[in-house]
Amino acid sequence: MIEIHYVSADEAVKAIRTGDHIHLGSVASVPHVLIDALVRRARAGEVEDLHFHHFHTEGPAPYSDPEYSGIFFEQGFFVGPNVRANVNAGHADYLPVHLFDTQRLYRNGTIKLGAAMVQVSEPDADGMVSLGTSVECSPAAIETARVRIAVVNPNVPFAYGDLVPVSSFDYLVRDDTPLFTKAYTEPGPTDILIGKNCAELVKDGACLQMGIGSLPNALATQLTGHKDLGIHTEMFADGVLELIRKGIITGKNKRIDTGKIVASFLLGSADVYSFIDRNPNVLMKEIGYVNNPWTISRNPRVTSINSATEVDLTGQVCADSIGERIFSGTGGQLDFVRGAAMSEEGVSIIALASRTAKGAPKIVPTLHPGAGVVTPRADVQWVVTEYGSVNLSGKSLQERAKLLISIAHPDDREALDRAAFNRFGPHWLTVKV
């Protein structure tokens, strides 16, 4: 039995110095007990100028709060609802990066980490701990940080994949706060139509990348007639579990990690977290492996499904912002778009509703001023809405415009057609696809 010495959260964070860059374990497994301890140090005037790096985080985010201006500065790799308002108000910031490259920022010293703060499972008999639901780029942070602090939490599942020796940590803190969960999002009618159109592009034996939310859940409901699907994805949630339990996801056709479900982080119900606990069919791996386009491409029939906030008539995809307003992040979209393109019989899909919930078009003549291009038009293959699917690969600008207008909302097509005519001239009228 390995003897472990625990300290309090307040004791552990005393090792953090003014000016440090801090990596936070993310998504469902944010080490809030350590953040709360840092807040206490901040209020006591003991520390300042701390920079925080992380993926999407759940729960309170005082590290982005203007109350701590000059003390905490948020520089996340992804912007979630808990920090979005502060980022767009300038009190916090966003660091654009493909998820695959986050680990490289740590390992090559672009970001010199003073501290890594993560949550881990109980150690096994060999003294190894699991990062559970949130591996992401934490292994790189643990390797490179000056100070490594782990919260040992019995609610963190022991997931196989990239395990870490408990001896890697300088400080261990005990906490039993439950992980954050996210309820299953029921797909609406538009989601179902988009899901059906996406499902038609998924071949038996395909290896899927899909995320969380009503649209991936809608797709999952449309795949019940498929066979021997595989999963290699940065994250998955409850929608995938039913396909696994029905024997639709087997992974038998994967060339690497055959028969295994591979992911890097999760956000879902307690059922999802329980499912990965000591499950030999699940590998939770570092993002540098999972999102590496070359790794992705080694499996055949990789099918990536990603969303967008808008797509212009040439196929440029904005997925991280709404105009100048940062909404989320680059994420792993381009990692998987390119990995799927390199895969044998691979397919990449950008799926979106034709309009926003407020009725604004999402297929537009040009992206809104300040909008970020997450997937360049040269990388885009299939674009899917509730009105159909079109393949832009190998198509010219004018052909792309014709195809995208055909799957735009019917009430938007006349204006889009007029914009295309103004852009391309009279020849536009004769273009056939």
Protein backbone atom coordinates (compact mmCIF):
# COMPACT_ATOMS: atom_id res chain seq x y z
CA MET A 1 0.00 0.00 0.00
CA ILE A 2 1.41 3.39 -0.99
CA GLU A 3 1.51 5.96 1.79
CA ILE A 4 0.25 9.37 0.72
CA HIS A 5 0.71 12.60 2.60
CA TYR A 6 -2.07 15.13 2.09
CA VAL A 7 -1.98 18.85 2.78
CA SER A 8 -4.72 21.45 2.84
CA ALA A 9 -5.57 23.40 -0.29
CA ASP A 10 -4.34 26.58 1.43
CA GLU A 11 -0.99 24.97 2.17
CA ALA A 12 -0.59 23.66 -1.39
CA VAL A 13 -1.21 26.97 -3.15
CA LYS A 14 1.41 28.75 -1.01
CA ALA A 15 3.90 27.37 -3.57
CA ILE A 16 2.37 29.56 -6.29
CA ARG A 17 4.28 32.77 -6.89
CA THR A 18 3.39 36.19 -8.23
CA GLY A 19 3.66 36.17 -12.04
CA ASP A 20 3.07 32.42 -12.41
CA HIS A 21 1.24 30.91 -15.36
CA ILE A 22 -1.14 28.23 -14.08
CA HIS A 23 -2.66 25.28 -15.93
CA LEU A 24 -6.10 24.24 -14.69
CA GLY A 25 -7.60 20.80 -15.21
CA SER A 26 -10.71 21.55 -17.20
CA VAL A 27 -14.27 20.76 -18.24
CA ALA A 28 -16.02 18.60 -15.58
CA SER A 29 -12.95 18.27 -13.37
CA VAL A 30 -11.87 21.82 -12.51
CA PRO A 31 -10.00 21.83 -9.14
CA HIS A 32 -12.25 24.42 -7.55
CA VAL A 33 -10.93 23.73 -4.04
CA LEU A 34 -7.52 25.04 -5.19
CA ILE A 35 -9.02 28.03 -6.99
CA ASP A 36 -10.92 28.95 -3.82
CA ALA A 37 -7.65 28.78 -1.87
CA LEU A 38 -5.99 31.10 -4.40
CA VAL A 39 -8.88 33.54 -4.00
CA ARG A 40 -8.18 33.61 -0.27
CA ARG A 41 -4.50 34.38 -0.92
CA ALA A 42 -5.51 37.10 -3.37
CA ARG A 43 -7.83 38.72 -0.86
CA ALA A 44 -5.03 38.67 1.70
CA GLY A 45 -2.77 40.50 -0.77
CA GLU A 46 -0.26 37.64 -0.89
CA VAL A 47 -0.11 37.11 -4.65
CA GLU A 48 -0.79 38.89 -7.95
CA ASP A 49 -0.35 38.72 -11.73
CA LEU A 50 -1.43 35.07 -12.08
CA HIS A 51 -2.26 33.86 -15.61
CA PHE A 52 -4.69 30.94 -16.07
CA HIS A 53 -4.74 28.52 -19.01
CA HIS A 54 -7.33 25.81 -19.57
CA PHE A 55 -9.91 24.30 -21.89
CA HIS A 56 -13.63 24.92 -21.33
CA THR A 57 -14.35 25.03 -17.61
CA GLU A 58 -17.51 24.37 -15.64
CA GLY A 59 -18.48 26.24 -12.49
CA PRO A 60 -17.52 29.62 -11.00
CA ALA A 61 -14.58 31.38 -12.67
CA PRO A 62 -13.18 34.01 -10.30
CA TYR A 63 -9.94 33.92 -12.31
CA SER A 64 -11.80 35.94 -14.98
CA ASP A 65 -13.61 38.29 -12.62
CA PRO A 66 -12.85 42.04 -12.85
CA GLU A 67 -12.87 42.06 -9.04
CA TYR A 68 -9.41 40.49 -9.26
CA SER A 69 -7.98 42.75 -11.96
CA GLY A 70 -4.19 42.77 -11.69
CA ILE A 71 -4.27 39.63 -9.57
CA PHE A 72 -5.86 37.02 -11.87
CA PHE A 73 -5.81 37.11 -15.66
CA GLU A 74 -7.72 34.55 -17.68
CA GLN A 75 -6.01 33.42 -20.92
CA GLY A 76 -8.01 30.30 -21.70
CA PHE A 77 -7.65 28.11 -24.78
CA PHE A 78 -11.46 27.96 -25.02
CA VAL A 79 -14.21 30.31 -23.90
CA GLY A 80 -17.25 28.87 -22.15
CA PRO A 81 -20.36 30.55 -20.76
CA ASN A 82 -18.75 31.10 -17.36
CA VAL A 83 -16.05 33.43 -18.76
CA ARG A 84 -17.59 34.67 -22.02
CA ALA A 85 -18.94 38.00 -20.76
CA ASN A 86 -15.66 38.88 -19.04
CA VAL A 87 -13.59 37.96 -22.09
CA ASN A 88 -15.71 40.11 -24.38
CA ALA A 89 -15.58 42.99 -21.91
CA GLY A 90 -11.77 42.82 -21.88
CA HIS A 91 -11.47 41.72 -18.24
CA ALA A 92 -10.20 38.34 -19.42
CA ASP A 93 -8.70 37.04 -22.63
CA TYR A 94 -8.72 34.18 -25.13
CA LEU A 95 -5.62 32.46 -26.49
CA PRO A 96 -6.42 31.10 -29.99
CA VAL A 97 -4.89 27.66 -30.53
CA HIS A 98 -5.85 24.36 -32.11
CA LEU A 99 -6.39 21.90 -29.27
CA PHE A 100 -3.72 19.59 -30.68
CA ASP A 101 -1.17 22.38 -30.22
CA THR A 102 -2.00 23.23 -26.59
CA GLN A 103 0.40 20.62 -25.24
CA ARG A 104 3.12 21.94 -27.54
CA LEU A 105 2.81 25.44 -26.05
CA TYR A 106 3.78 23.93 -22.71
CA ARG A 107 6.42 21.48 -23.92
CA ASN A 108 8.33 23.94 -26.12
CA GLY A 109 8.30 26.63 -23.44
CA THR A 110 6.11 29.13 -25.27
CA ILE A 111 4.08 29.14 -22.05
CA LYS A 112 6.35 28.58 -19.06
CA LEU A 113 4.16 27.09 -16.39
CA GLY A 114 4.67 27.98 -12.77
CA ALA A 115 2.01 25.54 -11.64
CA ALA A 116 -0.27 22.74 -12.79
CA MET A 117 -3.48 22.25 -10.78
CA VAL A 118 -5.53 19.14 -11.64
CA GLN A 119 -7.91 16.58 -10.17
CA VAL A 120 -7.07 12.88 -10.17
CA SER A 121 -8.55 9.57 -9.12
CA GLU A 122 -7.58 7.52 -6.10
CA PRO A 123 -4.23 5.82 -6.81
CA ASP A 124 -4.15 2.15 -7.75
CA ALA A 125 -1.91 -0.45 -6.13
CA ASP A 126 1.00 0.62 -8.35
CA GLY A 127 0.74 4.26 -7.33
CA MET A 128 -0.78 5.41 -10.62
CA VAL A 129 -3.63 7.90 -10.81
CA SER A 130 -6.01 8.72 -13.65
CA LEU A 131 -6.94 12.20 -14.82
CA GLY A 132 -10.40 10.72 -15.33
CA THR A 133 -12.76 12.85 -17.36
CA SER A 134 -10.22 15.56 -18.25
CA VAL A 135 -6.87 14.46 -19.64
CA GLU A 136 -6.63 17.17 -22.38
CA CYS A 137 -3.16 18.79 -22.15
CA SER A 138 -2.69 18.13 -18.43
CA PRO A 139 0.10 15.51 -18.91
CA ALA A 140 2.21 18.17 -20.65
CA ALA A 141 1.44 20.61 -17.83
CA ILE A 142 2.45 18.07 -15.18
CA GLU A 143 5.69 17.39 -17.06
CA THR A 144 6.72 21.02 -17.40
CA ALA A 145 5.31 22.99 -14.44
CA ARG A 146 7.57 24.09 -11.59
CA VAL A 147 4.91 23.10 -9.03
CA ARG A 148 2.43 20.27 -9.53
CA ILE A 149 -0.66 20.07 -7.33
CA ALA A 150 -3.28 17.32 -7.53
CA VAL A 151 -6.64 17.07 -5.85
CA VAL A 152 -7.31 13.39 -5.15
CA ASN A 153 -11.05 12.99 -5.51
CA PRO A 154 -12.89 9.65 -5.19
CA ASN A 155 -15.48 10.95 -7.66
CA VAL A 156 -12.88 11.07 -10.46
CA PRO A 157 -13.23 7.81 -12.41
CA PHE A 158 -10.15 5.67 -12.89
CA ALA A 159 -10.04 5.75 -16.68
CA TYR A 160 -7.38 3.85 -18.55
CA GLY A 161 -5.14 5.54 -21.09
CA ASP A 162 -2.57 8.10 -20.01
CA LEU A 163 -2.00 7.41 -16.31
CA VAL A 164 0.27 9.50 -14.08
CA PRO A 165 2.41 8.35 -11.13
CA VAL A 166 1.10 9.90 -7.93
CA SER A 167 4.75 10.60 -7.12
CA SER A 168 4.75 13.18 -9.95
CA PHE A 169 3.00 15.68 -7.70
CA ASP A 170 4.60 18.03 -5.20
CA TYR A 171 1.39 18.48 -3.24
CA LEU A 172 -1.69 16.31 -2.82
CA VAL A 173 -4.99 17.66 -1.52
CA ARG A 174 -8.00 15.57 -0.55
CA ASP A 175 -11.49 16.59 -1.70
CA ASP A 176 -14.72 14.74 -2.45
CA THR A 177 -16.73 17.39 -4.31
CA PRO A 178 -18.78 15.74 -7.11
CA LEU A 179 -17.72 16.42 -10.68
CA PHE A 180 -19.82 18.78 -12.76
CA THR A 181 -22.40 17.07 -14.92
CA LYS A 182 -24.39 18.15 -17.95
CA ALA A 183 -27.85 16.80 -18.65
CA TYR A 184 -28.69 15.18 -21.96
CA THR A 185 -29.91 17.81 -24.43
CA GLU A 186 -33.00 16.68 -26.29
CA PRO A 187 -32.68 17.35 -30.03
CA GLY A 188 -35.31 19.58 -31.60
CA PRO A 189 -36.99 19.13 -34.99
CA THR A 190 -34.27 21.05 -36.86
CA ASP A 191 -31.56 19.03 -35.11
CA ILE A 192 -33.28 15.80 -36.15
CA LEU A 193 -33.36 16.85 -39.81
CA ILE A 194 -29.68 17.82 -39.71
CA GLY A 195 -28.88 14.55 -37.94
CA LYS A 196 -30.62 12.58 -40.69
CA ASN A 197 -28.67 14.40 -43.39
CA CYS A 198 -25.39 13.76 -41.57
CA ALA A 199 -26.23 10.10 -40.96
CA GLU A 200 -26.60 9.55 -44.70
CA LEU A 201 -22.91 10.43 -45.06
CA VAL A 202 -21.78 7.98 -42.37
CA LYS A 203 -20.69 4.61 -43.75
CA ASP A 204 -20.77 1.33 -41.86
CA GLY A 205 -17.43 0.86 -40.13
CA ALA A 206 -16.83 4.61 -39.90
CA CYS A 207 -14.76 6.05 -37.06
CA LEU A 208 -16.64 9.02 -35.63
CA GLN A 209 -15.67 12.33 -34.10
CA MET A 210 -18.66 14.05 -32.55
CA GLY A 211 -19.12 16.34 -29.58
CA ILE A 212 -21.80 17.31 -27.12
CA GLY A 213 -25.21 18.96 -27.42
CA SER A 214 -28.50 18.56 -29.21
CA LEU A 215 -27.02 18.13 -32.68
CA PRO A 216 -24.63 15.25 -31.82
CA ASN A 217 -27.47 13.68 -29.85
CA ALA A 218 -29.72 13.97 -32.90
CA LEU A 219 -27.08 12.32 -35.05
CA ALA A 220 -26.76 9.48 -32.56
CA THR A 221 -30.50 8.78 -32.80
CA GLN A 222 -30.14 8.43 -36.59
CA LEU A 223 -27.30 5.90 -36.49
CA THR A 224 -29.22 2.99 -34.99
CA GLY A 225 -29.23 1.15 -38.34
CA HIS A 226 -25.46 1.39 -38.81
CA LYS A 227 -22.91 -1.32 -38.07
CA ASP A 228 -19.50 -1.50 -36.43
CA LEU A 229 -18.91 2.20 -35.89
CA GLY A 230 -15.83 3.36 -34.00
CA ILE A 231 -15.09 6.36 -31.81
CA HIS A 232 -11.94 8.50 -31.88
CA THR A 233 -13.02 11.92 -30.68
CA GLU A 234 -11.81 14.74 -28.47
CA MET A 235 -14.94 14.29 -26.34
CA PHE A 236 -18.19 12.36 -26.13
CA ALA A 237 -21.31 12.45 -23.99
CA ASP A 238 -24.50 10.53 -23.26
CA GLY A 239 -25.68 10.26 -26.87
CA VAL A 240 -22.88 7.82 -27.64
CA LEU A 241 -23.68 5.48 -24.73
CA GLU A 242 -26.88 4.15 -26.28
CA LEU A 243 -25.05 3.28 -29.49
CA ILE A 244 -22.43 1.41 -27.48
CA ARG A 245 -25.03 -0.49 -25.47
CA LYS A 246 -26.90 -1.45 -28.63
CA GLY A 247 -23.73 -2.88 -30.17
CA ILE A 248 -23.60 -0.31 -32.97
CA ILE A 249 -20.27 1.06 -31.77
CA THR A 250 -17.77 -1.80 -31.71
CA GLY A 251 -14.58 -0.25 -33.05
CA LYS A 252 -13.70 -3.51 -34.78
CA ASN A 253 -12.69 -1.77 -38.03
CA LYS A 254 -10.28 0.68 -36.39
CA ARG A 255 -6.65 0.15 -37.37
CA ILE A 256 -5.28 1.74 -34.23
CA ASP A 257 -6.80 1.31 -30.77
CA THR A 258 -8.97 -1.38 -32.32
CA GLY A 259 -12.11 -2.01 -30.30
CA LYS A 260 -11.38 0.96 -28.04
CA ILE A 261 -13.27 4.21 -27.55
CA VAL A 262 -10.69 6.99 -27.54
CA ALA A 263 -11.28 10.49 -26.17
CA SER A 264 -9.47 13.23 -24.26
CA PHE A 265 -12.17 14.84 -22.10
CA LEU A 266 -15.83 14.37 -21.24
CA LEU A 267 -18.82 16.34 -20.09
CA GLY A 268 -22.05 14.49 -19.49
CA SER A 269 -24.14 12.73 -16.89
CA ALA A 270 -22.83 10.69 -13.97
CA ASP A 271 -23.70 7.68 -16.15
CA VAL A 272 -20.97 8.67 -18.62
CA TYR A 273 -18.40 9.05 -15.83
CA SER A 274 -19.38 5.69 -14.36
CA PHE A 275 -19.11 4.10 -17.81
CA ILE A 276 -15.42 4.99 -18.20
CA ASP A 277 -14.44 3.93 -14.68
CA ARG A 278 -12.03 0.96 -15.01
CA ASN A 279 -13.52 0.19 -18.42
CA PRO A 280 -10.82 -1.52 -20.53
CA ASN A 281 -12.68 -0.54 -23.70
CA VAL A 282 -12.16 3.19 -23.09
CA LEU A 283 -8.88 5.06 -23.41
CA MET A 284 -8.69 8.63 -22.15
CA LYS A 285 -5.58 10.06 -23.81
CA GLU A 286 -3.67 13.31 -24.04
CA ILE A 287 -4.92 15.79 -26.62
CA GLY A 288 -1.55 15.67 -28.40
CA TYR A 289 -2.39 12.08 -29.36
CA VAL A 290 -6.15 12.25 -29.82
CA ASN A 291 -6.21 15.42 -31.93
CA ASN A 292 -3.07 14.80 -33.95
CA PRO A 293 -4.29 14.80 -37.57
CA TRP A 294 -1.81 12.07 -38.49
CA THR A 295 -3.04 9.85 -35.64
CA ILE A 296 -6.64 10.53 -36.64
CA SER A 297 -5.93 9.63 -40.26
CA ARG A 298 -4.55 6.19 -39.42
CA ASN A 299 -8.08 4.89 -38.95
CA PRO A 300 -10.14 4.34 -42.12
CA ARG A 301 -13.45 6.07 -42.81
CA VAL A 302 -12.92 8.77 -40.22
CA THR A 303 -16.04 10.92 -40.20
CA SER A 304 -15.76 14.22 -38.35
CA ILE A 305 -18.88 16.23 -37.53
CA ASN A 306 -18.36 19.81 -36.36
CA SER A 307 -20.56 22.87 -36.02
CA ALA A 308 -20.28 26.52 -37.07
CA THR A 309 -21.69 29.91 -36.19
CA GLU A 310 -21.74 30.88 -39.88
CA VAL A 311 -20.43 29.84 -43.29
CA ASP A 312 -19.85 32.29 -46.15
CA LEU A 313 -20.62 31.61 -49.81
CA THR A 314 -17.03 30.55 -50.52
CA GLY A 315 -17.06 27.95 -47.73
CA GLN A 316 -15.15 29.80 -45.02
CA VAL A 317 -16.25 28.49 -41.63
CA CYS A 318 -16.49 30.66 -38.53
CA ALA A 319 -16.92 28.60 -35.38
CA ASP A 320 -15.30 30.54 -32.52
CA SER A 321 -16.96 33.95 -32.68
CA ILE A 322 -20.01 35.95 -33.64
CA GLY A 323 -18.44 38.85 -35.45
CA GLU A 324 -15.85 40.28 -33.06
CA ARG A 325 -17.49 38.68 -30.04
CA ILE A 326 -15.65 35.54 -28.96
CA PHE A 327 -18.14 32.76 -28.35
CA SER A 328 -16.08 29.60 -27.83
CA GLY A 329 -12.76 28.74 -29.42
CA THR A 330 -10.93 27.16 -32.30
CA GLY A 331 -11.18 23.84 -30.50
CA GLY A 332 -10.24 20.72 -32.40
CA GLN A 333 -12.32 21.39 -35.49
CA LEU A 334 -9.46 21.80 -37.95
CA ASP A 335 -7.52 18.98 -36.29
CA PHE A 336 -10.30 16.57 -37.21
CA VAL A 337 -11.22 18.16 -40.54
CA ARG A 338 -7.67 17.57 -41.72
CA GLY A 339 -7.37 14.17 -40.06
CA ALA A 340 -10.57 13.01 -41.77
CA ALA A 341 -9.39 14.36 -45.12
CA MET A 342 -6.21 12.27 -44.85
CA SER A 343 -8.08 9.14 -43.74
CA GLU A 344 -8.87 6.38 -46.24
CA GLU A 345 -12.50 7.06 -47.33
CA GLY A 346 -12.64 9.82 -44.72
CA VAL A 347 -15.39 12.44 -44.61
CA SER A 348 -15.47 15.79 -42.83
CA ILE A 349 -18.80 17.49 -42.18
CA ILE A 350 -19.67 21.01 -41.04
CA ALA A 351 -23.22 20.82 -39.71
CA LEU A 352 -25.33 23.85 -38.82
CA ALA A 353 -28.89 25.08 -38.79
CA SER A 354 -29.69 27.42 -41.68
CA ARG A 355 -30.70 30.13 -39.21
CA THR A 356 -30.00 31.12 -35.62
CA ALA A 357 -32.64 30.80 -32.90
CA LYS A 358 -33.43 34.49 -33.54
CA GLY A 359 -33.89 33.93 -37.27
CA ALA A 360 -30.60 35.35 -38.57
CA PRO A 361 -29.05 33.54 -41.56
CA LYS A 362 -26.05 31.31 -40.84
CA ILE A 363 -25.15 30.92 -44.52
CA VAL A 364 -24.05 34.44 -45.42
CA PRO A 365 -22.52 36.32 -48.37
CA THR A 366 -19.46 37.22 -46.29
CA LEU A 367 -18.55 36.54 -42.68
CA HIS A 368 -19.43 39.27 -40.22
CA PRO A 369 -16.64 41.83 -39.62
CA GLY A 370 -14.22 40.45 -37.06
CA ALA A 371 -15.38 36.85 -37.43
CA GLY A 372 -12.65 34.25 -37.12
CA VAL A 373 -12.06 31.67 -39.85
CA VAL A 374 -11.63 28.38 -38.00
CA THR A 375 -11.74 26.11 -41.05
CA PRO A 376 -10.40 27.65 -44.27
CA ARG A 377 -12.47 27.16 -47.42
CA ALA A 378 -9.73 25.00 -48.95
CA ASP A 379 -10.25 22.43 -46.15
CA VAL A 380 -14.04 22.23 -46.21
CA GLN A 381 -15.74 19.14 -47.61
CA TRP A 382 -19.40 18.56 -46.73
CA VAL A 383 -21.69 21.26 -45.37
CA VAL A 384 -25.02 20.11 -43.95
CA THR A 385 -28.16 21.96 -42.88
CA GLU A 386 -31.72 20.84 -42.33
CA TYR A 387 -32.28 21.47 -46.05
CA GLY A 388 -29.67 19.06 -47.35
CA SER A 389 -25.97 18.39 -47.76
CA VAL A 390 -23.43 19.61 -50.34
CA ASN A 391 -19.84 18.67 -51.01
CA LEU A 392 -17.59 21.68 -51.66
CA SER A 393 -14.44 19.69 -52.26
CA GLY A 394 -13.08 20.34 -55.75
CA LYS A 395 -15.61 23.10 -56.40
CA SER A 396 -14.84 26.65 -57.56
CA LEU A 397 -16.03 29.73 -55.70
CA GLN A 398 -19.07 30.18 -57.93
CA GLU A 399 -19.97 26.50 -57.74
CA ARG A 400 -19.65 26.61 -53.96
CA ALA A 401 -21.97 29.58 -53.78
CA LYS A 402 -24.61 27.78 -55.87
CA LEU A 403 -24.37 24.68 -53.67
CA LEU A 404 -24.53 26.56 -50.37
CA ILE A 405 -27.50 28.64 -51.48
CA SER A 406 -29.33 25.38 -52.21
CA ILE A 407 -29.18 24.36 -48.53
CA ALA A 408 -29.76 27.84 -47.05
CA HIS A 409 -33.11 28.74 -45.53
CA PRO A 410 -35.59 29.19 -48.43
CA ASP A 411 -36.40 32.73 -47.32
CA ASP A 412 -32.69 33.67 -47.50
CA ARG A 413 -31.93 32.26 -50.95
CA GLU A 414 -33.04 35.25 -53.03
CA ALA A 415 -30.83 37.66 -51.09
CA LEU A 416 -27.91 35.23 -51.26
CA ASP A 417 -28.42 34.79 -54.99
CA ARG A 418 -28.40 38.55 -55.46
CA ALA A 419 -25.19 38.87 -53.39
CA ALA A 420 -23.54 36.18 -55.49
CA PHE A 421 -24.56 37.95 -58.72
CA ASN A 422 -23.11 41.23 -57.42
CA ARG A 423 -19.89 39.46 -56.53
CA PHE A 424 -19.38 37.25 -59.57
CA GLY A 425 -21.16 39.17 -62.33
CA PRO A 426 -23.50 37.99 -65.11
CA HIS A 427 -21.66 34.71 -65.61
CA TRP A 428 -23.17 33.67 -62.29
CA LEU A 429 -26.47 33.07 -64.03
CA THR A 430 -24.98 30.33 -66.22
CA VAL A 431 -23.11 28.41 -63.50
CA LYS A 432 -24.31 24.81 -63.15
CA VAL A 433 -23.49 22.35 -60.38
